[in-house]
N, C-alpha and C. Protein backbone atom coordinates (compact mmCIF):
# COMPACT_ATOMS: atom_id res chain seq x y z
N MET A 1 0.73 -0.72 -0.20
CA MET A 1 -0.28 0.29 0.00
C MET A 1 0.94 1.20 0.20
N ALA A 2 0.47 2.25 -0.92
CA ALA A 2 0.84 3.49 -0.68
C ALA A 2 0.82 4.15 0.74
N GLN A 3 1.72 5.12 1.04
CA GLN A 3 1.42 5.83 2.21
C GLN A 3 0.71 6.92 1.56
N ALA A 4 0.06 7.94 2.29
CA ALA A 4 -0.31 9.07 1.72
C ALA A 4 0.51 10.23 2.14
N ALA A 5 0.43 10.84 1.34
CA ALA A 5 1.91 12.37 1.29
C ALA A 5 1.69 13.18 2.31
N GLN A 6 2.25 13.76 3.45
CA GLN A 6 1.94 14.54 4.19
C GLN A 6 2.27 15.90 4.02
N THR A 7 1.22 16.88 4.21
CA THR A 7 1.45 18.51 3.68
C THR A 7 2.24 18.38 4.38
N ASN A 8 2.80 18.05 5.59
CA ASN A 8 3.83 19.17 6.73
C ASN A 8 4.57 17.98 6.70
N ALA A 9 5.65 17.54 5.96
CA ALA A 9 6.36 16.75 5.95
C ALA A 9 7.79 16.58 6.46
N PHE A 10 7.47 18.53 6.75
CA PHE A 10 8.69 18.88 7.58
C PHE A 10 8.73 18.34 8.99
N ASP A 11 10.25 18.20 9.33
CA ASP A 11 10.80 17.53 10.76
C ASP A 11 11.96 17.87 11.14
N ALA A 12 11.50 19.09 11.92
CA ALA A 12 12.80 19.65 12.53
C ALA A 12 13.29 18.87 13.26
N SER A 13 13.49 17.65 14.19
CA SER A 13 14.31 17.19 14.48
C SER A 13 15.27 15.67 13.59
N ASN A 14 14.58 15.38 12.75
CA ASN A 14 15.81 15.50 11.77
C ASN A 14 16.43 16.03 10.72
N SER A 15 16.07 17.10 10.30
CA SER A 15 15.74 17.67 9.02
C SER A 15 17.35 18.54 9.06
N PRO A 16 18.14 18.84 8.65
CA PRO A 16 19.04 20.24 9.21
C PRO A 16 18.39 21.58 8.73
N ILE A 17 18.20 22.02 9.12
CA ILE A 17 17.53 23.62 9.76
C ILE A 17 18.20 24.27 8.95
N ARG A 18 18.19 24.88 8.00
CA ARG A 18 18.97 26.00 6.77
C ARG A 18 18.10 27.41 7.41
N VAL A 19 18.86 28.20 7.56
CA VAL A 19 18.38 29.76 8.16
C VAL A 19 18.76 30.83 7.07
N GLU A 20 18.42 31.22 5.92
CA GLU A 20 18.75 32.15 4.77
C GLU A 20 18.59 33.44 5.32
N HIS A 21 19.27 34.32 5.25
CA HIS A 21 19.54 35.70 5.39
C HIS A 21 18.75 36.37 4.17
N ASP A 22 18.10 37.16 4.06
CA ASP A 22 17.76 37.88 2.96
C ASP A 22 18.02 39.53 3.38
N LYS A 23 18.74 39.97 2.95
CA LYS A 23 19.85 41.26 3.43
C LYS A 23 18.45 42.36 2.68
N LYS A 24 18.04 42.49 1.35
CA LYS A 24 18.13 42.98 0.75
C LYS A 24 16.50 43.56 1.15
N ARG A 25 15.71 41.95 1.98
CA ARG A 25 13.88 42.07 2.37
C ARG A 25 14.07 42.45 3.98
N ARG A 26 15.53 42.14 4.70
CA ARG A 26 15.77 42.42 5.76
C ARG A 26 14.65 41.26 6.53
N GLN A 27 15.39 40.27 6.28
CA GLN A 27 14.45 38.98 6.97
C GLN A 27 15.60 37.80 7.10
N PHE A 28 15.21 36.93 8.08
CA PHE A 28 15.97 35.77 8.16
C PHE A 28 14.62 34.49 7.54
N VAL A 29 14.76 33.78 6.70
CA VAL A 29 13.98 32.68 6.36
C VAL A 29 14.40 30.97 6.81
N ILE A 30 13.20 30.23 7.28
CA ILE A 30 13.46 29.35 6.79
C ILE A 30 12.38 28.38 5.83
N ARG A 31 12.97 27.90 5.17
CA ARG A 31 11.56 27.45 3.72
C ARG A 31 11.32 25.52 4.43
N LEU A 32 10.20 25.55 4.71
CA LEU A 32 9.74 24.36 5.38
C LEU A 32 9.56 23.51 4.12
N ASN A 33 8.41 23.97 3.31
CA ASN A 33 8.26 22.99 2.37
C ASN A 33 8.31 23.96 0.85
N SER A 34 7.57 23.34 -0.27
CA SER A 34 7.86 24.58 -1.77
C SER A 34 6.81 25.42 -1.32
N HIS A 35 6.07 25.75 -0.49
CA HIS A 35 5.42 27.05 -0.47
C HIS A 35 5.51 28.18 1.42
N ASP A 36 5.55 26.98 2.13
CA ASP A 36 5.82 27.49 3.88
C ASP A 36 7.02 28.11 4.39
N ARG A 37 6.50 29.13 4.61
CA ARG A 37 8.17 28.96 5.06
C ARG A 37 8.37 30.50 6.59
N ALA A 38 8.91 29.95 7.68
CA ALA A 38 9.19 30.67 8.17
C ALA A 38 9.64 32.06 8.53
N VAL A 39 9.71 33.21 9.18
CA VAL A 39 10.46 34.54 8.75
C VAL A 39 10.20 35.22 9.69
N LEU A 40 11.87 35.78 9.93
CA LEU A 40 12.28 36.76 11.16
C LEU A 40 12.26 37.93 10.36
N LEU A 41 11.66 39.01 10.62
CA LEU A 41 11.59 40.21 9.96
C LEU A 41 12.06 41.58 11.37
N TYR A 42 13.21 42.38 10.45
CA TYR A 42 13.92 43.62 11.14
C TYR A 42 14.32 44.48 10.00
N GLU A 43 14.16 45.30 10.73
CA GLU A 43 14.14 46.49 10.35
C GLU A 43 15.26 47.42 10.71
N TYR A 44 16.15 48.53 9.85
CA TYR A 44 17.61 48.99 10.17
C TYR A 44 16.77 50.07 10.92
N VAL A 45 16.93 50.98 12.03
CA VAL A 45 16.18 52.04 12.63
C VAL A 45 17.21 53.18 12.67
N GLY A 46 18.76 52.98 12.51
CA GLY A 46 19.62 53.48 12.61
C GLY A 46 20.75 53.11 11.83
N LYS A 47 22.23 53.70 11.83
CA LYS A 47 23.03 53.34 10.86
C LYS A 47 23.66 51.84 11.60
N LYS A 48 23.85 51.56 12.91
CA LYS A 48 24.04 50.46 13.44
C LYS A 48 23.26 49.87 14.25
N THR A 49 22.07 50.02 14.13
CA THR A 49 20.56 49.56 15.13
C THR A 49 19.65 49.31 14.08
N VAL A 50 19.17 47.86 14.94
CA VAL A 50 18.39 47.31 13.90
C VAL A 50 17.44 47.01 15.25
N ASP A 51 15.70 46.47 14.57
CA ASP A 51 14.50 46.06 15.33
C ASP A 51 13.93 45.25 14.60
N LEU A 52 14.59 44.22 15.69
CA LEU A 52 13.71 42.93 15.26
C LEU A 52 12.51 42.67 15.64
N GLN A 53 11.50 43.04 14.96
CA GLN A 53 10.60 43.05 15.10
C GLN A 53 9.52 41.48 15.31
N HIS A 54 9.82 40.97 14.30
CA HIS A 54 8.24 40.24 14.55
C HIS A 54 9.40 38.75 13.88
N THR A 55 8.60 37.56 14.54
CA THR A 55 9.18 36.51 14.30
C THR A 55 7.47 35.38 13.94
N GLU A 56 7.41 34.61 12.80
CA GLU A 56 6.01 34.04 12.14
C GLU A 56 6.66 32.54 11.80
N VAL A 57 5.63 31.66 12.10
CA VAL A 57 5.67 30.22 11.94
C VAL A 57 4.45 29.98 11.56
N PRO A 58 4.47 29.10 10.24
CA PRO A 58 2.80 28.70 9.78
C PRO A 58 2.25 27.63 11.48
N ASP A 59 1.42 27.90 11.38
CA ASP A 59 0.36 27.31 12.42
C ASP A 59 0.79 25.45 12.62
N ALA A 60 0.95 24.87 11.48
CA ALA A 60 1.03 23.51 11.36
C ALA A 60 2.89 23.37 11.67
N TYR A 61 3.54 23.82 12.00
CA TYR A 61 4.35 23.84 11.86
C TYR A 61 5.05 24.50 13.59
N ARG A 62 4.20 25.30 13.98
CA ARG A 62 4.75 25.36 15.20
C ARG A 62 5.12 24.54 16.86
N GLY A 63 5.22 24.90 17.74
CA GLY A 63 5.92 23.48 18.99
C GLY A 63 7.13 22.66 18.50
N ARG A 64 8.07 23.09 17.70
CA ARG A 64 9.05 21.77 16.60
C ARG A 64 10.73 22.80 16.78
N GLY A 65 10.20 24.16 17.77
CA GLY A 65 11.94 24.30 17.47
C GLY A 65 12.09 25.20 16.37
N ILE A 66 10.97 25.80 15.35
CA ILE A 66 11.77 26.44 14.06
C ILE A 66 12.26 27.85 14.56
N ALA A 67 11.35 28.69 15.28
CA ALA A 67 11.59 30.03 15.64
C ALA A 67 12.79 30.69 16.27
N LYS A 68 13.11 29.13 17.35
CA LYS A 68 14.66 29.30 17.68
C LYS A 68 15.59 29.57 16.55
N HIS A 69 15.63 28.80 16.05
CA HIS A 69 16.78 28.87 15.38
C HIS A 69 16.99 30.02 14.03
N LEU A 70 15.63 31.12 14.06
CA LEU A 70 15.34 32.39 13.38
C LEU A 70 16.07 32.98 14.50
N ALA A 71 15.75 33.05 15.35
CA ALA A 71 16.53 33.75 16.53
C ALA A 71 17.45 34.00 17.15
N LYS A 72 18.07 32.95 16.69
CA LYS A 72 19.94 32.33 17.50
C LYS A 72 20.41 33.38 15.82
N ALA A 73 19.87 33.15 14.62
CA ALA A 73 20.71 33.23 13.42
C ALA A 73 20.21 35.27 13.27
N ALA A 74 19.37 35.87 13.80
CA ALA A 74 19.17 37.14 14.10
C ALA A 74 19.73 37.32 15.29
N MET A 75 20.37 37.53 16.35
CA MET A 75 21.42 37.57 17.37
C MET A 75 22.16 37.42 16.56
N ASP A 76 23.00 35.76 16.29
CA ASP A 76 24.23 35.99 15.89
C ASP A 76 24.79 37.30 14.49
N PHE A 77 23.86 37.34 13.84
CA PHE A 77 23.77 38.06 13.07
C PHE A 77 24.20 39.90 13.56
N VAL A 78 23.10 40.39 14.83
CA VAL A 78 23.60 41.57 15.20
C VAL A 78 24.72 41.32 15.73
N VAL A 79 25.62 40.30 16.20
CA VAL A 79 26.91 40.37 17.38
C VAL A 79 27.55 39.74 16.55
N GLU A 80 27.86 39.55 15.18
CA GLU A 80 28.82 39.23 14.11
C GLU A 80 29.06 40.95 13.26
N GLU A 81 27.89 41.53 13.12
CA GLU A 81 27.99 43.43 12.95
C GLU A 81 28.03 44.05 13.56
N ASP A 82 28.28 43.83 15.03
CA ASP A 82 28.17 44.54 15.76
C ASP A 82 27.40 45.52 16.17
N LEU A 83 26.05 45.72 15.76
CA LEU A 83 24.99 46.09 15.96
C LEU A 83 24.75 46.47 17.05
N LYS A 84 23.41 47.06 17.23
CA LYS A 84 22.60 47.34 18.70
C LYS A 84 21.42 46.88 18.43
N ALA A 85 20.48 46.40 19.18
CA ALA A 85 18.96 45.74 18.52
C ALA A 85 18.50 45.70 20.05
N HIS A 86 16.92 46.08 18.89
CA HIS A 86 15.75 46.60 19.90
C HIS A 86 14.86 45.35 19.78
N LEU A 87 14.54 44.45 20.87
CA LEU A 87 13.58 43.38 20.47
C LEU A 87 12.36 43.98 20.97
N THR A 88 11.97 44.06 19.74
CA THR A 88 10.19 44.54 19.59
C THR A 88 9.56 42.96 19.51
N CYS A 89 10.33 41.79 18.38
CA CYS A 89 9.27 40.74 19.07
C CYS A 89 9.39 40.04 20.70
N TRP A 90 8.53 39.42 20.67
CA TRP A 90 7.93 38.79 22.09
C TRP A 90 9.11 37.99 22.04
N TYR A 91 9.31 37.11 21.23
CA TYR A 91 9.61 35.81 20.76
C TYR A 91 11.06 36.02 21.26
N ILE A 92 11.58 36.89 20.46
CA ILE A 92 13.43 37.14 20.04
C ILE A 92 13.26 37.39 21.73
N GLN A 93 12.70 38.02 22.67
CA GLN A 93 12.79 38.85 24.15
C GLN A 93 13.22 36.85 24.95
N LYS A 94 11.98 36.69 24.85
CA LYS A 94 11.70 35.05 25.27
C LYS A 94 13.34 34.17 25.35
N TYR A 95 13.63 33.98 23.66
CA TYR A 95 14.93 33.17 23.18
C TYR A 95 16.34 33.92 24.25
N VAL A 96 15.88 35.22 23.95
CA VAL A 96 17.41 35.73 24.44
C VAL A 96 17.42 35.63 26.06
N LYS A 97 16.13 35.78 26.68
CA LYS A 97 16.10 35.21 28.63
C LYS A 97 16.33 33.88 28.77
N GLU A 98 15.63 32.86 27.79
CA GLU A 98 16.37 31.14 27.85
C GLU A 98 17.72 31.08 26.96
N ASN A 99 18.06 31.73 26.14
CA ASN A 99 19.51 31.63 26.39
C ASN A 99 20.70 32.89 26.76
N PRO A 100 21.12 32.75 27.96
CA PRO A 100 21.80 34.23 28.23
C PRO A 100 22.77 34.28 27.60
N GLN A 101 23.45 34.73 26.93
CA GLN A 101 24.73 35.09 25.98
C GLN A 101 25.51 35.98 26.44
N PRO A 102 26.12 36.44 26.91
CA PRO A 102 26.83 37.73 27.25
C PRO A 102 27.28 38.33 26.30
N GLN A 103 27.55 37.60 25.08
CA GLN A 103 28.05 38.57 23.56
C GLN A 103 26.26 38.98 22.98
N TYR A 104 25.12 38.76 23.72
CA TYR A 104 23.87 38.92 23.39
C TYR A 104 23.15 40.71 24.03
N PHE A 105 23.58 40.25 25.11
CA PHE A 105 23.65 41.19 26.00
C PHE A 105 23.93 42.35 26.16
N GLU A 106 25.28 42.36 24.91
CA GLU A 106 26.05 43.50 24.88
C GLU A 106 25.40 44.47 23.62
N HIS A 107 24.70 43.46 23.15
CA HIS A 107 24.03 44.06 21.48
C HIS A 107 22.71 44.52 21.95
N ILE A 108 21.92 44.85 23.21
CA ILE A 108 20.62 44.95 23.24
C ILE A 108 20.10 45.95 24.28
N TYR A 109 19.62 47.03 23.21
CA TYR A 109 19.17 47.99 23.93
C TYR A 109 18.06 47.63 24.72
N GLN A 110 18.46 47.84 26.44
CA GLN A 110 17.98 47.67 27.11
C GLN A 110 16.56 49.14 27.96
């Protein structure tokens, strides 16, 4: 018997998650399948300051740790580029609190 194809076959536990950084659109993206994407949006609010504004994971993919990969990529970008960050997005605030890295705190506007 043939197995029915799953519409959300993405499995974060055994798929390597690749975060793409689209600098032109100012977003971090994880492609989940041919049409679903998880995104983290940011905006430059100064020459060396970004506002990490919004993280969005489609409902069918929530609870799998996908947003964590976006948050880590965004915070690593802030550190690598020596930027300051406003954490408008509640998920990024939660991520930083749960993953207290000294290099993150140095780059966050309190």
